[in-house]
Amino acid sequence: MSAQSLPAEDLRYVVCPVCRQQLVRLGDVISCKGCGRRYPVVDDIPVLLADRAL
């Protein structure tokens, strides 16, 4: 599964670890609607760690 194949309905259960706002898919990254942080996808797994944000 890649970030592009991660169903949008699955993202509704996950929030930004920093500001607790909704996340959305943007290509190969997961982006926060609140603070704008972008989280990488490594080996098809979103890495939702604040210190790894892009």
PDB file of N, CA and C in Angstrom:
ATOM      1  N   MET A   1       0.847  -1.168   0.000  1.00  0.00           N
ATOM      2  CA  MET A   1       0.000   0.000   0.000  1.00  0.00           C
ATOM      3  C   MET A   1       0.895   1.235   0.000  1.00  0.00           C
ATOM      4  N   SER A   2       0.619   2.170  -0.850  1.00  0.00           N
ATOM      5  CA  SER A   2       1.362   3.425  -0.871  1.00  0.00           C
ATOM      6  C   SER A   2       0.449   4.535  -0.371  1.00  0.00           C
ATOM      7  N   ALA A   3       1.020   5.711  -0.208  1.00  0.00           N
ATOM      8  CA  ALA A   3       0.209   6.840   0.258  1.00  0.00           C
ATOM      9  C   ALA A   3      -0.944   7.091  -0.701  1.00  0.00           C
ATOM     10  N   GLN A   4      -0.726   6.853  -1.992  1.00  0.00           N
ATOM     11  CA  GLN A   4      -1.783   7.079  -2.964  1.00  0.00           C
ATOM     12  C   GLN A   4      -2.863   6.022  -2.878  1.00  0.00           C
ATOM     13  N   SER A   5      -2.528   4.814  -2.407  1.00  0.00           N
ATOM     14  CA  SER A   5      -3.543   3.774  -2.312  1.00  0.00           C
ATOM     15  C   SER A   5      -4.144   3.692  -0.918  1.00  0.00           C
ATOM     16  N   LEU A   6      -3.645   4.500   0.018  1.00  0.00           N
ATOM     17  CA  LEU A   6      -4.215   4.553   1.354  1.00  0.00           C
ATOM     18  C   LEU A   6      -5.597   5.188   1.253  1.00  0.00           C
ATOM     19  N   PRO A   7      -6.635   4.446   1.566  1.00  0.00           N
ATOM     20  CA  PRO A   7      -7.989   4.989   1.412  1.00  0.00           C
ATOM     21  C   PRO A   7      -8.213   6.223   2.289  1.00  0.00           C
ATOM     22  N   ALA A   8      -8.861   7.219   1.727  1.00  0.00           N
ATOM     23  CA  ALA A   8      -9.130   8.464   2.443  1.00  0.00           C
ATOM     24  C   ALA A   8      -9.921   8.197   3.715  1.00  0.00           C
ATOM     25  N   GLU A   9     -10.807   7.214   3.690  1.00  0.00           N
ATOM     26  CA  GLU A   9     -11.598   6.929   4.884  1.00  0.00           C
ATOM     27  C   GLU A   9     -10.733   6.402   6.023  1.00  0.00           C
ATOM     28  N   ASP A  10      -9.573   5.807   5.721  1.00  0.00           N
ATOM     29  CA  ASP A  10      -8.664   5.367   6.780  1.00  0.00           C
ATOM     30  C   ASP A  10      -7.963   6.543   7.441  1.00  0.00           C
ATOM     31  N   LEU A  11      -7.763   7.616   6.710  1.00  0.00           N
ATOM     32  CA  LEU A  11      -7.106   8.793   7.274  1.00  0.00           C
ATOM     33  C   LEU A  11      -7.991   9.538   8.269  1.00  0.00           C
ATOM     34  N   ARG A  12      -9.272   9.304   8.241  1.00  0.00           N
ATOM     35  CA  ARG A  12     -10.152  10.017   9.176  1.00  0.00           C
ATOM     36  C   ARG A  12      -9.920   9.578  10.616  1.00  0.00           C
ATOM     37  N   TYR A  13      -9.269   8.440  10.810  1.00  0.00           N
ATOM     38  CA  TYR A  13      -8.978   7.937  12.152  1.00  0.00           C
ATOM     39  C   TYR A  13      -7.607   8.380  12.663  1.00  0.00           C
ATOM     40  N   VAL A  14      -6.851   9.064  11.820  1.00  0.00           N
ATOM     41  CA  VAL A  14      -5.489   9.456  12.157  1.00  0.00           C
ATOM     42  C   VAL A  14      -5.400  10.981  12.139  1.00  0.00           C
ATOM     43  N   VAL A  15      -4.706  11.543  13.116  1.00  0.00           N
ATOM     44  CA  VAL A  15      -4.528  12.993  13.177  1.00  0.00           C
ATOM     45  C   VAL A  15      -3.049  13.324  13.250  1.00  0.00           C
ATOM     46  N   CYS A  16      -2.737  14.582  13.007  1.00  0.00           N
ATOM     47  CA  CYS A  16      -1.364  15.069  13.095  1.00  0.00           C
ATOM     48  C   CYS A  16      -0.868  14.898  14.531  1.00  0.00           C
ATOM     49  N   PRO A  17       0.324  14.333  14.723  1.00  0.00           N
ATOM     50  CA  PRO A  17       0.830  14.149  16.087  1.00  0.00           C
ATOM     51  C   PRO A  17       1.204  15.468  16.774  1.00  0.00           C
ATOM     52  N   VAL A  18       1.297  16.560  16.025  1.00  0.00           N
ATOM     53  CA  VAL A  18       1.696  17.843  16.596  1.00  0.00           C
ATOM     54  C   VAL A  18       0.484  18.691  16.978  1.00  0.00           C
ATOM     55  N   CYS A  19      -0.421  18.922  16.008  1.00  0.00           N
ATOM     56  CA  CYS A  19      -1.544  19.837  16.273  1.00  0.00           C
ATOM     57  C   CYS A  19      -2.905  19.141  16.348  1.00  0.00           C
ATOM     58  N   ARG A  20      -2.947  17.851  16.097  1.00  0.00           N
ATOM     59  CA  ARG A  20      -4.173  17.040  16.194  1.00  0.00           C
ATOM     60  C   ARG A  20      -5.237  17.390  15.154  1.00  0.00           C
ATOM     61  N   GLN A  21      -4.806  17.935  14.004  1.00  0.00           N
ATOM     62  CA  GLN A  21      -5.746  18.264  12.934  1.00  0.00           C
ATOM     63  C   GLN A  21      -5.787  17.134  11.906  1.00  0.00           C
ATOM     64  N   GLN A  22      -6.706  17.234  10.983  1.00  0.00           N
ATOM     65  CA  GLN A  22      -6.940  16.222   9.957  1.00  0.00           C
ATOM     66  C   GLN A  22      -5.752  16.115   8.997  1.00  0.00           C
ATOM     67  N   LEU A  23      -5.501  14.903   8.517  1.00  0.00           N
ATOM     68  CA  LEU A  23      -4.449  14.637   7.541  1.00  0.00           C
ATOM     69  C   LEU A  23      -5.062  14.333   6.184  1.00  0.00           C
ATOM     70  N   VAL A  24      -4.338  14.696   5.123  1.00  0.00           N
ATOM     71  CA  VAL A  24      -4.780  14.424   3.756  1.00  0.00           C
ATOM     72  C   VAL A  24      -3.611  13.885   2.957  1.00  0.00           C
ATOM     73  N   ARG A  25      -3.926  13.160   1.891  1.00  0.00           N
ATOM     74  CA  ARG A  25      -2.896  12.657   0.983  1.00  0.00           C
ATOM     75  C   ARG A  25      -2.537  13.719  -0.032  1.00  0.00           C
ATOM     76  N   LEU A  26      -1.250  13.869  -0.267  1.00  0.00           N
ATOM     77  CA  LEU A  26      -0.756  14.745  -1.331  1.00  0.00           C
ATOM     78  C   LEU A  26       0.371  14.004  -2.029  1.00  0.00           C
ATOM     79  N   GLY A  27       0.018  13.214  -3.008  1.00  0.00           N
ATOM     80  CA  GLY A  27       1.041  12.426  -3.709  1.00  0.00           C
ATOM     81  C   GLY A  27       1.652  11.381  -2.801  1.00  0.00           C
ATOM     82  N   ASP A  28       2.966  11.473  -2.608  1.00  0.00           N
ATOM     83  CA  ASP A  28       3.670  10.487  -1.799  1.00  0.00           C
ATOM     84  C   ASP A  28       3.923  10.954  -0.374  1.00  0.00           C
ATOM     85  N   VAL A  29       3.176  11.948   0.079  1.00  0.00           N
ATOM     86  CA  VAL A  29       3.296  12.409   1.461  1.00  0.00           C
ATOM     87  C   VAL A  29       1.906  12.526   2.071  1.00  0.00           C
ATOM     88  N   ILE A  30       1.879  12.557   3.392  1.00  0.00           N
ATOM     89  CA  ILE A  30       0.655  12.809   4.130  1.00  0.00           C
ATOM     90  C   ILE A  30       0.810  14.215   4.704  1.00  0.00           C
ATOM     91  N   SER A  31      -0.146  15.093   4.456  1.00  0.00           N
ATOM     92  CA  SER A  31      -0.038  16.488   4.858  1.00  0.00           C
ATOM     93  C   SER A  31      -1.102  16.838   5.892  1.00  0.00           C
ATOM     94  N   CYS A  32      -0.725  17.710   6.836  1.00  0.00           N
ATOM     95  CA  CYS A  32      -1.650  18.167   7.869  1.00  0.00           C
ATOM     96  C   CYS A  32      -2.377  19.415   7.384  1.00  0.00           C
ATOM     97  N   LYS A  33      -3.691  19.427   7.557  1.00  0.00           N
ATOM     98  CA  LYS A  33      -4.494  20.591   7.168  1.00  0.00           C
ATOM     99  C   LYS A  33      -4.320  21.748   8.145  1.00  0.00           C
ATOM    100  N   GLY A  34      -3.904  21.468   9.368  1.00  0.00           N
ATOM    101  CA  GLY A  34      -3.767  22.505  10.376  1.00  0.00           C
ATOM    102  C   GLY A  34      -2.428  23.225  10.317  1.00  0.00           C
ATOM    103  N   CYS A  35      -1.346  22.511  10.610  1.00  0.00           N
ATOM    104  CA  CYS A  35      -0.029  23.137  10.715  1.00  0.00           C
ATOM    105  C   CYS A  35       0.778  23.057   9.428  1.00  0.00           C
ATOM    106  N   GLY A  36       0.316  22.268   8.463  1.00  0.00           N
ATOM    107  CA  GLY A  36       1.002  22.190   7.183  1.00  0.00           C
ATOM    108  C   GLY A  36       2.181  21.230   7.135  1.00  0.00           C
ATOM    109  N   ARG A  37       2.473  20.551   8.237  1.00  0.00           N
ATOM    110  CA  ARG A  37       3.578  19.591   8.213  1.00  0.00           C
ATOM    111  C   ARG A  37       3.267  18.484   7.224  1.00  0.00           C
ATOM    112  N   ARG A  38       4.316  17.997   6.581  1.00  0.00           N
ATOM    113  CA  ARG A  38       4.170  16.892   5.638  1.00  0.00           C
ATOM    114  C   ARG A  38       4.984  15.720   6.157  1.00  0.00           C
ATOM    115  N   TYR A  39       4.367  14.568   6.176  1.00  0.00           N
ATOM    116  CA  TYR A  39       4.996  13.360   6.699  1.00  0.00           C
ATOM    117  C   TYR A  39       5.332  12.416   5.551  1.00  0.00           C
ATOM    118  N   PRO A  40       6.544  11.869   5.555  1.00  0.00           N
ATOM    119  CA  PRO A  40       6.958  10.995   4.467  1.00  0.00           C
ATOM    120  C   PRO A  40       6.290   9.624   4.551  1.00  0.00           C
ATOM    121  N   VAL A  41       6.317   8.941   3.432  1.00  0.00           N
ATOM    122  CA  VAL A  41       5.864   7.556   3.370  1.00  0.00           C
ATOM    123  C   VAL A  41       7.093   6.728   3.019  1.00  0.00           C
ATOM    124  N   VAL A  42       7.498   5.848   3.934  1.00  0.00           N
ATOM    125  CA  VAL A  42       8.697   5.033   3.755  1.00  0.00           C
ATOM    126  C   VAL A  42       8.278   3.575   3.662  1.00  0.00           C
ATOM    127  N   ASP A  43       8.688   2.908   2.602  1.00  0.00           N
ATOM    128  CA  ASP A  43       8.314   1.506   2.381  1.00  0.00           C
ATOM    129  C   ASP A  43       6.810   1.308   2.507  1.00  0.00           C
ATOM    130  N   ASP A  44       6.061   2.228   1.931  1.00  0.00           N
ATOM    131  CA  ASP A  44       4.593   2.184   1.903  1.00  0.00           C
ATOM    132  C   ASP A  44       3.942   2.388   3.262  1.00  0.00           C
ATOM    133  N   ILE A  45       4.682   2.930   4.235  1.00  0.00           N
ATOM    134  CA  ILE A  45       4.142   3.179   5.571  1.00  0.00           C
ATOM    135  C   ILE A  45       4.288   4.661   5.901  1.00  0.00           C
ATOM    136  N   PRO A  46       3.188   5.355   6.210  1.00  0.00           N
ATOM    137  CA  PRO A  46       3.291   6.763   6.610  1.00  0.00           C
ATOM    138  C   PRO A  46       4.053   6.869   7.934  1.00  0.00           C
ATOM    139  N   VAL A  47       5.048   7.733   7.962  1.00  0.00           N
ATOM    140  CA  VAL A  47       5.856   7.947   9.169  1.00  0.00           C
ATOM    141  C   VAL A  47       5.350   9.216   9.836  1.00  0.00           C
ATOM    142  N   LEU A  48       4.492   9.046  10.828  1.00  0.00           N
ATOM    143  CA  LEU A  48       3.843  10.186  11.481  1.00  0.00           C
ATOM    144  C   LEU A  48       4.571  10.550  12.770  1.00  0.00           C
ATOM    145  N   LEU A  49       5.831  10.903  12.632  1.00  0.00           N
ATOM    146  CA  LEU A  49       6.665  11.343  13.744  1.00  0.00           C
ATOM    147  C   LEU A  49       7.020  12.794  13.528  1.00  0.00           C
ATOM    148  N   ALA A  50       6.826  13.624  14.549  1.00  0.00           N
ATOM    149  CA  ALA A  50       7.059  15.069  14.408  1.00  0.00           C
ATOM    150  C   ALA A  50       8.483  15.371  13.965  1.00  0.00           C
ATOM    151  N   ASP A  51       9.464  14.644  14.456  1.00  0.00           N
ATOM    152  CA  ASP A  51      10.853  14.929  14.086  1.00  0.00           C
ATOM    153  C   ASP A  51      11.224  14.439  12.694  1.00  0.00           C
ATOM    154  N   ARG A  52      10.354  13.698  12.041  1.00  0.00           N
ATOM    155  CA  ARG A  52      10.601  13.242  10.665  1.00  0.00           C
ATOM    156  C   ARG A  52       9.783  14.018   9.640  1.00  0.00           C
ATOM    157  N   ALA A  53       9.033  15.021  10.104  1.00  0.00           N
ATOM    158  CA  ALA A  53       8.206  15.833   9.184  1.00  0.00           C
ATOM    159  C   ALA A  53       9.086  16.555   8.190  1.00  0.00           C
ATOM    160  N   LEU A  54       8.568  16.752   6.988  1.00  0.00           N
ATOM    161  CA  LEU A  54       9.316  17.424   5.918  1.00  0.00           C
ATOM    162  C   LEU A  54       9.098  18.913   5.974  1.00  0.00           C
TER     163      LEU A  54
END
